[in-house]
């Protein structure tokens, strides 16, 4: 979350939704709080990141059990994070 400012349309994301942050091992909460409110979730620690998911998809590996079935369908339907992918706009 501390890199949200590097995402596409970060202010629009903040305006449209609440941000939930699940801390990863080795990342301090203070570093993740930069300039925005977020809900911090607590629970068992496990290593998972959006980069890991993107890399697995680029290599043609499964992301089952890493994301919900609905998220996996959305990613695959829009061909996100795959070689030669073209991002489809919502509603297409």
Protein backbone atom coordinates (compact mmCIF):
# COMPACT_ATOMS: atom_id res chain seq x y z
CA UNK A 1 0.00 0.00 0.00
CA UNK A 2 2.91 2.32 0.57
CA UNK A 3 3.30 2.40 -3.24
CA UNK A 4 -0.32 3.30 -4.01
CA UNK A 5 0.84 6.67 -5.32
CA UNK A 6 2.56 4.75 -8.18
CA UNK A 7 -0.67 2.98 -9.24
CA UNK A 8 -2.90 4.17 -12.03
CA UNK A 9 -5.44 6.73 -10.72
CA UNK A 10 -4.61 6.39 -7.00
CA UNK A 11 -6.92 9.20 -5.91
CA UNK A 12 -9.81 7.69 -7.85
CA UNK A 13 -9.16 4.37 -6.11
CA UNK A 14 -9.25 6.12 -2.72
CA UNK A 15 -12.49 7.90 -3.66
CA UNK A 16 -14.24 4.77 -4.92
CA UNK A 17 -13.39 2.28 -2.20
CA UNK A 18 -12.05 1.58 1.23
CA UNK A 19 -8.50 0.26 1.28
CA UNK A 20 -7.75 -2.87 3.28
CA UNK A 21 -4.10 -3.64 4.02
CA UNK A 22 -2.83 -7.03 5.14
CA UNK A 23 0.66 -6.70 6.52
CA UNK A 24 3.35 -8.96 5.13
CA UNK A 25 6.24 -10.30 7.17
CA UNK A 26 9.02 -7.74 7.40
CA UNK A 27 6.91 -4.71 6.42
CA UNK A 28 6.27 -2.27 9.21
CA UNK A 29 2.80 -0.77 9.52
CA UNK A 30 4.19 2.78 9.78
CA UNK A 31 5.77 2.46 6.33
CA UNK A 32 2.46 1.34 4.85
CA UNK A 33 0.41 4.28 6.14
CA UNK A 34 1.70 7.03 3.83
CA UNK A 35 -0.86 9.87 3.46
CA UNK A 36 -4.12 7.93 3.43
CA UNK A 37 -6.54 6.14 5.69
CA UNK A 38 -6.65 2.37 5.44
CA UNK A 39 -8.06 -0.51 7.41
CA UNK A 40 -5.29 -2.80 8.60
CA UNK A 41 -6.24 -6.46 8.77
CA UNK A 42 -4.58 -8.75 11.27
CA UNK A 43 -4.12 -12.48 11.11
CA UNK A 44 -1.62 -15.18 10.34
CA UNK A 45 1.31 -13.88 8.32
CA UNK A 46 1.99 -15.35 4.89
CA UNK A 47 4.04 -14.23 1.93
CA UNK A 48 1.82 -12.97 -0.89
CA UNK A 49 1.98 -9.91 -3.10
CA UNK A 50 0.41 -8.60 -6.30
CA UNK A 51 3.87 -8.91 -7.90
CA UNK A 52 3.92 -12.61 -7.02
CA UNK A 53 0.48 -13.09 -8.60
CA UNK A 54 1.47 -11.18 -11.76
CA UNK A 55 4.72 -13.13 -12.09
CA UNK A 56 2.93 -16.48 -11.70
CA UNK A 57 0.43 -15.53 -14.40
CA UNK A 58 3.16 -14.35 -16.76
CA UNK A 59 4.84 -17.77 -16.35
CA UNK A 60 1.52 -19.54 -16.98
CA UNK A 61 1.34 -20.84 -13.39
CA UNK A 62 -1.82 -21.25 -11.32
CA UNK A 63 -3.04 -18.61 -8.89
CA UNK A 64 -5.70 -20.90 -7.44
CA UNK A 65 -5.93 -20.47 -3.66
CA UNK A 66 -4.00 -17.17 -3.88
CA UNK A 67 -7.02 -15.13 -4.98
CA UNK A 68 -10.75 -15.75 -4.88
CA UNK A 69 -12.35 -17.55 -7.84
CA UNK A 70 -14.13 -14.29 -8.80
CA UNK A 71 -10.84 -12.36 -8.90
CA UNK A 72 -9.19 -15.10 -10.94
CA UNK A 73 -12.09 -15.04 -13.44
CA UNK A 74 -11.86 -11.24 -13.70
CA UNK A 75 -8.10 -11.36 -14.33
CA UNK A 76 -8.39 -14.13 -16.90
CA UNK A 77 -11.45 -12.61 -18.65
CA UNK A 78 -9.55 -9.37 -19.14
CA UNK A 79 -6.25 -11.11 -19.95
CA UNK A 80 -4.48 -9.13 -17.25
CA UNK A 81 -0.84 -9.79 -16.40
CA UNK A 82 -0.13 -12.19 -19.25
CA UNK A 83 2.39 -11.93 -22.03
CA UNK A 84 1.06 -9.71 -24.76
CA UNK A 85 -1.93 -8.84 -22.62
CA UNK A 86 -4.09 -5.93 -23.47
CA UNK A 87 -6.07 -4.44 -20.67
CA UNK A 88 -9.76 -4.30 -21.42
CA UNK A 89 -11.80 -1.48 -20.02
CA UNK A 90 -14.47 -2.34 -17.49
CA UNK A 91 -17.75 -3.23 -19.13
CA UNK A 92 -16.16 -4.72 -22.25
